[in-house]
N, C-alpha and C. Protein backbone atom coordinates (compact mmCIF):
# COMPACT_ATOMS: atom_id res chain seq x y z
N MET A 1 13.91 2.80 -7.32
CA MET A 1 12.65 2.82 -8.02
C MET A 1 11.71 3.80 -7.33
N ARG A 2 11.10 4.65 -8.09
CA ARG A 2 10.15 5.61 -7.54
C ARG A 2 8.73 5.10 -7.78
N ILE A 3 7.94 5.08 -6.74
CA ILE A 3 6.54 4.68 -6.84
C ILE A 3 5.70 5.94 -6.97
N LYS A 4 4.97 6.08 -8.07
CA LYS A 4 4.15 7.27 -8.30
C LYS A 4 2.72 7.07 -7.82
N GLN A 5 2.17 5.88 -8.07
CA GLN A 5 0.79 5.58 -7.68
C GLN A 5 0.70 4.09 -7.35
N PHE A 6 -0.20 3.77 -6.42
CA PHE A 6 -0.35 2.38 -6.02
C PHE A 6 -1.80 2.13 -5.62
N SER A 7 -2.34 1.00 -6.06
CA SER A 7 -3.65 0.53 -5.59
C SER A 7 -3.58 -0.99 -5.50
N TYR A 8 -4.42 -1.56 -4.66
CA TYR A 8 -4.34 -3.01 -4.42
C TYR A 8 -5.70 -3.52 -3.96
N GLU A 9 -6.02 -4.74 -4.38
CA GLU A 9 -7.24 -5.39 -3.91
C GLU A 9 -6.99 -6.89 -3.78
N ASN A 10 -7.34 -7.45 -2.64
CA ASN A 10 -7.25 -8.88 -2.39
C ASN A 10 -8.67 -9.35 -2.09
N LYS A 11 -9.32 -9.94 -3.08
CA LYS A 11 -10.72 -10.35 -2.93
C LYS A 11 -10.88 -11.49 -1.94
N ARG A 12 -9.88 -12.34 -1.85
CA ARG A 12 -9.95 -13.47 -0.91
C ARG A 12 -10.03 -12.97 0.54
N LEU A 13 -9.22 -11.96 0.86
CA LEU A 13 -9.22 -11.42 2.23
C LEU A 13 -10.21 -10.27 2.42
N GLY A 14 -10.78 -9.79 1.30
CA GLY A 14 -11.68 -8.65 1.39
C GLY A 14 -10.95 -7.37 1.75
N TRP A 15 -9.71 -7.25 1.29
CA TRP A 15 -8.85 -6.11 1.64
C TRP A 15 -8.63 -5.27 0.41
N LYS A 16 -8.92 -3.97 0.49
CA LYS A 16 -8.78 -3.09 -0.66
C LYS A 16 -8.12 -1.78 -0.25
N LEU A 17 -7.14 -1.36 -1.04
CA LEU A 17 -6.50 -0.07 -0.85
C LEU A 17 -6.83 0.78 -2.06
N ASN A 18 -7.54 1.85 -1.85
CA ASN A 18 -7.89 2.75 -2.95
C ASN A 18 -6.61 3.37 -3.52
N PRO A 19 -6.65 3.83 -4.77
CA PRO A 19 -5.45 4.42 -5.38
C PRO A 19 -4.88 5.55 -4.53
N VAL A 20 -3.57 5.48 -4.33
CA VAL A 20 -2.84 6.47 -3.54
C VAL A 20 -1.78 7.08 -4.42
N GLU A 21 -1.69 8.40 -4.45
CA GLU A 21 -0.66 9.12 -5.20
C GLU A 21 0.47 9.45 -4.22
N PHE A 22 1.70 9.16 -4.62
CA PHE A 22 2.86 9.43 -3.77
C PHE A 22 3.62 10.64 -4.29
N SER A 23 4.25 11.37 -3.38
CA SER A 23 5.11 12.48 -3.78
C SER A 23 6.54 11.97 -3.95
N THR A 24 7.51 12.82 -3.84
CA THR A 24 8.90 12.42 -4.08
C THR A 24 9.48 11.52 -2.99
N VAL A 25 8.92 11.57 -1.79
CA VAL A 25 9.40 10.73 -0.69
C VAL A 25 8.33 9.71 -0.34
N ASN A 26 8.71 8.43 -0.29
CA ASN A 26 7.78 7.35 0.05
C ASN A 26 8.10 6.82 1.44
N LEU A 27 7.12 6.87 2.32
CA LEU A 27 7.30 6.39 3.67
C LEU A 27 5.99 5.80 4.14
N LEU A 28 5.99 4.53 4.51
CA LEU A 28 4.79 3.87 5.02
C LEU A 28 4.83 3.91 6.54
N VAL A 29 3.84 4.55 7.12
CA VAL A 29 3.78 4.70 8.57
C VAL A 29 2.39 4.29 9.03
N GLY A 30 2.33 3.57 10.12
CA GLY A 30 1.03 3.20 10.67
C GLY A 30 1.18 2.29 11.86
N ALA A 31 0.11 2.10 12.57
CA ALA A 31 0.10 1.23 13.74
C ALA A 31 0.30 -0.22 13.30
N SER A 32 0.61 -1.05 14.24
CA SER A 32 0.80 -2.47 13.98
C SER A 32 -0.50 -3.10 13.49
N GLY A 33 -0.40 -3.89 12.40
CA GLY A 33 -1.56 -4.63 11.91
C GLY A 33 -2.46 -3.88 10.95
N VAL A 34 -2.01 -2.74 10.40
CA VAL A 34 -2.87 -1.98 9.49
C VAL A 34 -2.59 -2.24 8.02
N GLY A 35 -1.54 -3.04 7.69
CA GLY A 35 -1.33 -3.44 6.31
C GLY A 35 -0.06 -2.97 5.64
N LYS A 36 0.89 -2.43 6.38
CA LYS A 36 2.15 -1.97 5.76
C LYS A 36 2.88 -3.12 5.07
N THR A 37 2.98 -4.24 5.72
CA THR A 37 3.67 -5.40 5.14
C THR A 37 2.91 -5.94 3.94
N GLN A 38 1.59 -5.91 3.96
CA GLN A 38 0.80 -6.37 2.81
C GLN A 38 1.09 -5.51 1.59
N ILE A 39 1.26 -4.21 1.79
CA ILE A 39 1.59 -3.32 0.68
C ILE A 39 2.95 -3.67 0.12
N LEU A 40 3.93 -3.89 0.98
CA LEU A 40 5.27 -4.25 0.51
C LEU A 40 5.28 -5.59 -0.20
N ASP A 41 4.53 -6.56 0.32
CA ASP A 41 4.45 -7.87 -0.34
C ASP A 41 3.81 -7.75 -1.72
N ALA A 42 2.82 -6.88 -1.86
CA ALA A 42 2.15 -6.70 -3.15
C ALA A 42 3.08 -6.07 -4.17
N LEU A 43 3.97 -5.19 -3.71
CA LEU A 43 4.93 -4.57 -4.64
C LEU A 43 5.91 -5.60 -5.14
């Protein structure tokens, strides 16, 4: 499955990810605790 665009908002936690456009390769990279797992759970 190819992800072209993604946005997410969790009002309970006050967490919002503005719309992100992805290219042909999808790779989530970041420091520990910045929300990578939350993005995967939302998908």
